[in-house]
C-alpha atoms as a PDB file:
ATOM      1  CA  MET A   1       4.897   8.351  10.666  1.00  0.00           C
ATOM      2  CA  LYS A   2       4.158   5.042  12.330  1.00  0.00           C
ATOM      3  CA  ALA A   3       1.279   2.554  12.168  1.00  0.00           C
ATOM      4  CA  ALA A   4       0.008   3.822  15.539  1.00  0.00           C
ATOM      5  CA  ASP A   5      -0.432   7.319  14.053  1.00  0.00           C
ATOM      6  CA  VAL A   6      -3.015   6.209  11.486  1.00  0.00           C
ATOM      7  CA  MET A   7      -4.471   2.916  12.725  1.00  0.00           C
ATOM      8  CA  GLU A   8      -8.150   2.437  13.541  1.00  0.00           C
ATOM      9  CA  SER A   9      -8.262   1.524  17.236  1.00  0.00           C
ATOM     10  CA  HIS A  10     -11.844   0.264  17.173  1.00  0.00           C
ATOM     11  CA  VAL A  11     -11.281  -3.030  15.386  1.00  0.00           C
ATOM     12  CA  VAL A  12     -14.206  -4.957  13.918  1.00  0.00           C
ATOM     13  CA  SER A  13     -13.429  -8.630  14.500  1.00  0.00           C
ATOM     14  CA  VAL A  14     -15.138 -12.018  14.404  1.00  0.00           C
ATOM     15  CA  ARG A  15     -14.759 -15.293  16.276  1.00  0.00           C
ATOM     16  CA  PRO A  16     -13.719 -18.618  14.733  1.00  0.00           C
ATOM     17  CA  ASP A  17     -17.322 -19.849  15.124  1.00  0.00           C
ATOM     18  CA  THR A  18     -18.829 -16.823  13.348  1.00  0.00           C
ATOM     19  CA  THR A  19     -20.665 -18.035  10.264  1.00  0.00           C
ATOM     20  CA  VAL A  20     -19.376 -17.189   6.815  1.00  0.00           C
ATOM     21  CA  CYS A  21     -22.662 -15.419   6.033  1.00  0.00           C
ATOM     22  CA  ASP A  22     -22.269 -13.211   9.116  1.00  0.00           C
ATOM     23  CA  VAL A  23     -18.695 -12.393   8.140  1.00  0.00           C
ATOM     24  CA  ALA A  24     -19.906 -11.352   4.692  1.00  0.00           C
ATOM     25  CA  ARG A  25     -22.578  -9.161   6.272  1.00  0.00           C
ATOM     26  CA  GLU A  26     -19.944  -7.437   8.431  1.00  0.00           C
ATOM     27  CA  LEU A  27     -17.708  -6.729   5.440  1.00  0.00           C
ATOM     28  CA  VAL A  28     -20.604  -5.244   3.485  1.00  0.00           C
ATOM     29  CA  ALA A  29     -22.109  -3.278   6.376  1.00  0.00           C
ATOM     30  CA  ARG A  30     -18.786  -1.824   7.535  1.00  0.00           C
ATOM     31  CA  LYS A  31     -17.468  -1.302   3.997  1.00  0.00           C
ATOM     32  CA  ILE A  32     -14.205  -3.047   4.842  1.00  0.00           C
ATOM     33  CA  SER A  33     -12.174  -5.673   2.993  1.00  0.00           C
ATOM     34  CA  ALA A  34     -11.165  -7.996   5.845  1.00  0.00           C
ATOM     35  CA  VAL A  35     -11.760  -8.807   9.516  1.00  0.00           C
ATOM     36  CA  PRO A  36      -9.348 -10.396  11.998  1.00  0.00           C
ATOM     37  CA  VAL A  37     -10.460 -13.592  13.702  1.00  0.00           C
ATOM     38  CA  LEU A  38      -9.915 -13.518  17.486  1.00  0.00           C
ATOM     39  CA  GLU A  39     -10.156 -16.277  20.047  1.00  0.00           C
ATOM     40  CA  ASP A  40     -11.316 -15.730  23.627  1.00  0.00           C
ATOM     41  CA  GLY A  41      -8.902 -13.322  25.271  1.00  0.00           C
ATOM     42  CA  GLY A  42      -8.305 -11.443  22.046  1.00  0.00           C
ATOM     43  CA  ARG A  43      -5.565 -13.632  20.572  1.00  0.00           C
ATOM     44  CA  LEU A  44      -5.265 -13.300  16.798  1.00  0.00           C
ATOM     45  CA  VAL A  45      -5.683 -16.640  15.031  1.00  0.00           C
ATOM     46  CA  GLY A  46      -6.466 -15.606  11.460  1.00  0.00           C
ATOM     47  CA  ILE A  47      -8.069 -13.120   9.113  1.00  0.00           C
ATOM     48  CA  VAL A  48     -10.974 -13.422   6.677  1.00  0.00           C
ATOM     49  CA  SER A  49     -10.809 -11.214   3.606  1.00  0.00           C
ATOM     50  CA  GLU A  50     -12.981 -10.708   0.557  1.00  0.00           C
ATOM     51  CA  GLY A  51     -10.611 -13.038  -1.289  1.00  0.00           C
ATOM     52  CA  ASP A  52     -11.385 -15.874   1.131  1.00  0.00           C
ATOM     53  CA  LEU A  53     -15.067 -15.605   0.268  1.00  0.00           C
ATOM     54  CA  ILE A  54     -14.864 -15.239  -3.509  1.00  0.00           C
ATOM     55  CA  ARG A  55     -15.215 -18.954  -4.344  1.00  0.00           C
ATOM     56  CA  ARG A  56     -18.445 -19.929  -2.565  1.00  0.00           C
ATOM     57  CA  VAL A  57     -20.937 -22.653  -3.436  1.00  0.00           C
ATOM     58  CA  GLU A  58     -23.860 -20.452  -2.319  1.00  0.00           C
ATOM     59  CA  ALA A  59     -23.007 -17.895  -4.999  1.00  0.00           C
ATOM     60  CA  GLY A  60     -22.200 -20.493  -7.627  1.00  0.00           C
ATOM     61  CA  THR A  61     -18.615 -19.235  -7.809  1.00  0.00           C
ATOM     62  CA  GLU A  62     -16.833 -22.303  -6.458  1.00  0.00           C
ATOM     63  CA  ARG A  63     -13.851 -23.436  -8.491  1.00  0.00           C
ATOM     64  CA  HIS A  64     -14.538 -25.945 -11.292  1.00  0.00           C
ATOM     65  CA  ARG A  65     -11.594 -27.683 -12.914  1.00  0.00           C
ATOM     66  CA  SER A  66     -11.571 -29.836 -16.003  1.00  0.00           C
ATOM     67  CA  TRP A  67     -11.142 -33.571 -15.329  1.00  0.00           C
ATOM     68  CA  TRP A  68      -7.565 -33.597 -16.609  1.00  0.00           C
ATOM     69  CA  LEU A  69      -6.596 -30.598 -14.479  1.00  0.00           C
ATOM     70  CA  GLU A  70      -8.072 -32.305 -11.415  1.00  0.00           C
ATOM     71  CA  LEU A  71      -5.829 -35.274 -12.133  1.00  0.00           C
ATOM     72  CA  LEU A  72      -2.824 -32.949 -12.052  1.00  0.00           C
ATOM     73  CA  THR A  73      -3.939 -31.199  -8.853  1.00  0.00           C
ATOM     74  CA  SER A  74      -2.991 -32.695  -5.501  1.00  0.00           C
ATOM     75  CA  SER A  75      -5.745 -34.132  -3.346  1.00  0.00           C
ATOM     76  CA  GLU A  76      -4.634 -31.772  -0.576  1.00  0.00           C
ATOM     77  CA  LYS A  77      -5.221 -28.747  -2.801  1.00  0.00           C
ATOM     78  CA  LEU A  78      -8.598 -30.073  -3.951  1.00  0.00           C
ATOM     79  CA  ALA A  79      -9.671 -30.658  -0.360  1.00  0.00           C
ATOM     80  CA  THR A  80      -8.495 -27.176   0.662  1.00  0.00           C
ATOM     81  CA  ASP A  81     -10.517 -25.597  -2.143  1.00  0.00           C
ATOM     82  CA  TYR A  82     -13.575 -27.600  -1.095  1.00  0.00           C
ATOM     83  CA  VAL A  83     -13.306 -26.316   2.472  1.00  0.00           C
ATOM     84  CA  LYS A  84     -12.928 -22.729   1.260  1.00  0.00           C
ATOM     85  CA  SER A  85     -16.065 -22.943  -0.855  1.00  0.00           C
ATOM     86  CA  HIS A  86     -18.254 -25.054   1.456  1.00  0.00           C
ATOM     87  CA  ALA A  87     -17.196 -24.449   5.085  1.00  0.00           C
ATOM     88  CA  ARG A  88     -19.679 -22.619   7.292  1.00  0.00           C
ATOM     89  CA  TYR A  89     -17.434 -20.893   9.828  1.00  0.00           C
ATOM     90  CA  ALA A  90     -14.758 -18.200   9.830  1.00  0.00           C
ATOM     91  CA  GLY A  91     -12.242 -20.485  11.511  1.00  0.00           C
ATOM     92  CA  GLU A  92     -12.429 -22.867   8.557  1.00  0.00           C
ATOM     93  CA  VAL A  93     -12.040 -20.359   5.703  1.00  0.00           C
ATOM     94  CA  MET A  94      -9.714 -17.837   7.339  1.00  0.00           C
ATOM     95  CA  THR A  95      -6.109 -17.264   6.316  1.00  0.00           C
ATOM     96  CA  ARG A  96      -4.046 -18.517   9.240  1.00  0.00           C
ATOM     97  CA  GLU A  97      -0.682 -16.953   8.389  1.00  0.00           C
ATOM     98  CA  VAL A  98      -1.598 -13.333   9.043  1.00  0.00           C
ATOM     99  CA  VAL A  99       0.647 -10.463   8.017  1.00  0.00           C
ATOM    100  CA  THR A 100       0.840  -8.134  11.034  1.00  0.00           C
ATOM    101  CA  VAL A 101       2.713  -5.002  12.090  1.00  0.00           C
ATOM    102  CA  ARG A 102       3.626  -3.363  15.388  1.00  0.00           C
ATOM    103  CA  GLU A 103       2.550   0.078  16.530  1.00  0.00           C
ATOM    104  CA  ASP A 104       6.010   1.461  15.770  1.00  0.00           C
ATOM    105  CA  THR A 105       6.167   0.032  12.225  1.00  0.00           C
ATOM    106  CA  PRO A 106       6.915   2.880   9.759  1.00  0.00           C
ATOM    107  CA  LEU A 107       4.194   3.583   7.208  1.00  0.00           C
ATOM    108  CA  ALA A 108       6.694   2.950   4.412  1.00  0.00           C
ATOM    109  CA  GLU A 109       7.019  -0.636   5.666  1.00  0.00           C
ATOM    110  CA  VAL A 110       3.229  -0.974   5.918  1.00  0.00           C
ATOM    111  CA  ALA A 111       2.850   0.155   2.301  1.00  0.00           C
ATOM    112  CA  LYS A 112       5.555  -2.331   1.263  1.00  0.00           C
ATOM    113  CA  LEU A 113       3.647  -5.175   2.938  1.00  0.00           C
ATOM    114  CA  PHE A 114       0.453  -4.178   1.118  1.00  0.00           C
ATOM    115  CA  GLU A 115       2.282  -4.489  -2.193  1.00  0.00           C
ATOM    116  CA  GLN A 116       4.284  -7.647  -1.407  1.00  0.00           C
ATOM    117  CA  HIS A 117       1.323  -9.648  -0.113  1.00  0.00           C
ATOM    118  CA  ASN A 118      -1.420  -8.044  -2.225  1.00  0.00           C
ATOM    119  CA  ILE A 119      -3.493  -7.210   0.860  1.00  0.00           C
ATOM    120  CA  LYS A 120      -5.628  -4.222   1.799  1.00  0.00           C
ATOM    121  CA  ARG A 121      -5.629  -4.323   5.609  1.00  0.00           C
ATOM    122  CA  VAL A 122      -3.074  -5.325   8.211  1.00  0.00           C
ATOM    123  CA  PRO A 123      -3.686  -5.842  11.970  1.00  0.00           C
ATOM    124  CA  VAL A 124      -1.534  -3.948  14.451  1.00  0.00           C
ATOM    125  CA  VAL A 125      -0.460  -6.345  17.198  1.00  0.00           C
ATOM    126  CA  ARG A 126       0.930  -5.872  20.700  1.00  0.00           C
ATOM    127  CA  ASP A 127       1.878  -8.952  22.753  1.00  0.00           C
ATOM    128  CA  GLY A 128      -0.142 -11.208  20.464  1.00  0.00           C
ATOM    129  CA  LYS A 129      -3.308  -9.133  20.711  1.00  0.00           C
ATOM    130  CA  VAL A 130      -4.822  -6.834  18.097  1.00  0.00           C
ATOM    131  CA  VAL A 131      -4.773  -3.172  19.172  1.00  0.00           C
ATOM    132  CA  GLY A 132      -5.634  -1.632  15.817  1.00  0.00           C
ATOM    133  CA  ILE A 133      -5.807  -2.103  12.082  1.00  0.00           C
ATOM    134  CA  VAL A 134      -4.355  -0.151   9.155  1.00  0.00           C
ATOM    135  CA  GLY A 135      -5.935  -0.178   5.705  1.00  0.00           C
ATOM    136  CA  ARG A 136      -4.947   1.289   2.385  1.00  0.00           C
ATOM    137  CA  ALA A 137      -7.553   4.001   2.920  1.00  0.00           C
ATOM    138  CA  ASP A 138      -5.698   5.129   6.055  1.00  0.00           C
ATOM    139  CA  LEU A 139      -2.601   5.809   3.955  1.00  0.00           C
ATOM    140  CA  LEU A 140      -4.724   7.826   1.534  1.00  0.00           C
ATOM    141  CA  HIS A 141      -6.050   9.902   4.442  1.00  0.00           C
ATOM    142  CA  VAL A 142      -2.457  10.730   5.398  1.00  0.00           C
ATOM    143  CA  LEU A 143      -1.761  11.893   1.856  1.00  0.00           C
ATOM    144  CA  ALA A 144      -4.925  14.020   1.797  1.00  0.00           C
ATOM    145  CA  ASP A 145      -4.118  15.592   5.168  1.00  0.00           C
ATOM    146  CA  LEU A 146      -0.572  16.461   4.127  1.00  0.00           C
ATOM    147  CA  HIS A 147      -1.729  18.251   0.999  1.00  0.00           C
ATOM    148  CA  SER A 148      -4.349  20.182   2.943  1.00  0.00           C
ATOM    149  CA  LYS A 149      -1.739  21.682   5.270  1.00  0.00           C
ATOM    150  CA  SER A 150       0.048  24.907   4.405  1.00  0.00           C
ATOM    151  CA  HIS A 151       3.836  24.926   4.059  1.00  0.00           C
ATOM    152  CA  PRO A 152       6.270  27.838   4.458  1.00  0.00           C
ATOM    153  CA  VAL A 153       7.081  29.457   1.132  1.00  0.00           C
ATOM    154  CA  LEU A 154      10.814  29.466   0.374  1.00  0.00           C
ATOM    155  CA  ASP A 155      12.779  32.186  -1.405  1.00  0.00           C
ATOM    156  CA  ASP A 156      14.771  31.512  -4.578  1.00  0.00           C
ATOM    157  CA  ALA A 157      17.904  30.346  -2.741  1.00  0.00           C
ATOM    158  CA  GLY A 158      15.863  28.159  -0.400  1.00  0.00           C
ATOM    159  CA  ILE A 159      13.964  26.602  -3.299  1.00  0.00           C
ATOM    160  CA  ARG A 160      17.180  25.706  -5.119  1.00  0.00           C
ATOM    161  CA  ALA A 161      18.757  24.270  -1.972  1.00  0.00           C
ATOM    162  CA  GLU A 162      15.707  22.141  -1.236  1.00  0.00           C
ATOM    163  CA  ILE A 163      15.506  20.753  -4.787  1.00  0.00           C
ATOM    164  CA  LEU A 164      19.184  19.795  -4.691  1.00  0.00           C
ATOM    165  CA  ARG A 165      18.819  18.291  -1.220  1.00  0.00           C
ATOM    166  CA  GLN A 166      16.071  15.984  -2.434  1.00  0.00           C
ATOM    167  CA  LEU A 167      17.755  15.046  -5.696  1.00  0.00           C
ATOM    168  CA  LYS A 168      21.204  14.308  -4.257  1.00  0.00           C
ATOM    169  CA  SER A 169      19.772  11.417  -2.245  1.00  0.00           C
ATOM    170  CA  GLU A 170      18.560   9.736  -5.454  1.00  0.00           C
ATOM    171  CA  HIS A 171      20.922   7.322  -7.223  1.00  0.00           C
ATOM    172  CA  TRP A 172      19.586   8.207 -10.659  1.00  0.00           C
ATOM    173  CA  PHE A 173      20.532  11.894 -10.301  1.00  0.00           C
ATOM    174  CA  SER A 174      23.919  13.315 -11.280  1.00  0.00           C
ATOM    175  CA  SER A 175      24.611  16.906 -10.208  1.00  0.00           C
ATOM    176  CA  ALA A 176      27.537  16.984 -12.649  1.00  0.00           C
ATOM    177  CA  GLN A 177      25.152  16.845 -15.619  1.00  0.00           C
ATOM    178  CA  ILE A 178      22.310  19.032 -14.340  1.00  0.00           C
ATOM    179  CA  GLU A 179      22.263  22.724 -13.448  1.00  0.00           C
ATOM    180  CA  ILE A 180      19.351  24.168 -11.503  1.00  0.00           C
ATOM    181  CA  SER A 181      18.696  27.882 -11.095  1.00  0.00           C
ATOM    182  CA  VAL A 182      15.753  29.787  -9.601  1.00  0.00           C
ATOM    183  CA  ARG A 183      14.575  33.308 -10.337  1.00  0.00           C
ATOM    184  CA  ASP A 184      11.345  34.801  -9.020  1.00  0.00           C
ATOM    185  CA  ARG A 185      10.414  31.262  -7.886  1.00  0.00           C
ATOM    186  CA  VAL A 186      10.594  29.920 -11.455  1.00  0.00           C
ATOM    187  CA  VAL A 187      12.885  26.899 -11.635  1.00  0.00           C
ATOM    188  CA  LYS A 188      15.141  26.523 -14.661  1.00  0.00           C
ATOM    189  CA  ILE A 189      16.648  23.095 -15.321  1.00  0.00           C
ATOM    190  CA  GLU A 190      19.518  22.727 -17.794  1.00  0.00           C
ATOM    191  CA  GLY A 191      21.913  19.954 -18.731  1.00  0.00           C
ATOM    192  CA  ILE A 192      21.867  16.394 -20.009  1.00  0.00           C
ATOM    193  CA  VAL A 193      19.349  13.741 -18.946  1.00  0.00           C
ATOM    194  CA  MET A 194      19.666  10.048 -19.682  1.00  0.00           C
ATOM    195  CA  SER A 195      15.965   9.405 -20.285  1.00  0.00           C
ATOM    196  CA  GLN A 196      12.530  10.998 -20.438  1.00  0.00           C
ATOM    197  CA  GLU A 197      11.751   9.331 -17.090  1.00  0.00           C
ATOM    198  CA  GLN A 198      14.755  11.015 -15.457  1.00  0.00           C
ATOM    199  CA  ARG A 199      13.703  14.365 -16.924  1.00  0.00           C
ATOM    200  CA  ARG A 200      10.202  14.016 -15.525  1.00  0.00           C
ATOM    201  CA  ALA A 201      11.526  12.908 -12.128  1.00  0.00           C
ATOM    202  CA  ILE A 202      13.634  16.076 -11.821  1.00  0.00           C
ATOM    203  CA  GLU A 203      10.622  18.178 -12.801  1.00  0.00           C
ATOM    204  CA  VAL A 204       8.489  16.478 -10.152  1.00  0.00           C
ATOM    205  CA  ALA A 205      11.110  17.109  -7.475  1.00  0.00           C
ATOM    206  CA  ALA A 206      11.073  20.811  -8.371  1.00  0.00           C
ATOM    207  CA  GLU A 207       7.285  21.067  -8.568  1.00  0.00           C
ATOM    208  CA  ASN A 208       6.900  19.624  -5.069  1.00  0.00           C
ATOM    209  CA  VAL A 209       8.986  22.293  -3.337  1.00  0.00           C
ATOM    210  CA  PRO A 210       6.788  24.926  -1.597  1.00  0.00           C
ATOM    211  CA  GLY A 211       6.868  28.288  -3.337  1.00  0.00           C
ATOM    212  CA  VAL A 212       7.690  27.085  -6.849  1.00  0.00           C
ATOM    213  CA  LYS A 213       5.535  28.900  -9.431  1.00  0.00           C
ATOM    214  CA  SER A 214       6.589  26.927 -12.490  1.00  0.00           C
ATOM    215  CA  VAL A 215       9.355  24.767 -13.936  1.00  0.00           C
ATOM    216  CA  ASN A 216      11.219  25.645 -17.124  1.00  0.00           C
ATOM    217  CA  ASP A 217      12.839  22.465 -18.404  1.00  0.00           C
ATOM    218  CA  GLN A 218      15.605  23.064 -20.953  1.00  0.00           C
ATOM    219  CA  THR A 219      17.418  19.757 -20.586  1.00  0.00           C
ATOM    220  CA  MET A 220      18.594  17.733 -23.548  1.00  0.00           C
ATOM    221  CA  LEU A 221      18.194  13.999 -23.907  1.00  0.00           C
ATOM    222  CA  LYS A 222      21.473  12.134 -24.310  1.00  0.00           C
ATOM    223  CA  LEU A 223      21.471  10.168 -27.531  1.00  0.00           C
ATOM    224  CA  LYS A 224      22.218   6.461 -27.331  1.00  0.00           C
ATOM    225  CA  VAL A 225      24.953   4.881 -29.437  1.00  0.00           C
ATOM    226  CA  GLY A 226      23.697   4.305 -32.964  1.00  0.00           C
ATOM    227  CA  GLU A 227      20.982   6.989 -32.842  1.00  0.00           C
END
């Protein structure tokens, strides 16, 4: 699936001259974690997130450093922190280097960006303009929808083939050490595993195949040298 398949097309945005208080009201009212900042014509110039509004003088949460730490902190950093905590407008507190995706960006890449940049929402951009936004909640909706759909139930041979198909693409799996058999849709796993994590991973692969009733794990853990 792509970003366009799950994105919210009606994007709540603010202007650079929107006040910080109004931005906060939008986040609370809409129950969202960030809003893109758009100039006239819809060009994306930044994004304001909850994190940008955490250290605010109005709430008494502005950053206070000890005198010796201030001496070690650059004047540029101190000035930047002051603007973040005291500035009145979105254009002054926003994050200017915005992580964005295209409509055809795979969801796996979107999820990777969430993790790498520790963000919760990412604008979807076409020709420099925001056409949608994808949040972590949108990925959860995909997961919920997938589990709510019915899948064709496989027979014993089909179940075994599907388990092996999934496992053979994983570098941690060795078909030479593991034997998988299926009878009456009960999966039996035998052989040698290198770790408890590998054992559980094989079980999970089997459990996720449609039609599997249960998994009978009879693998043995390979002992390490000296044990």
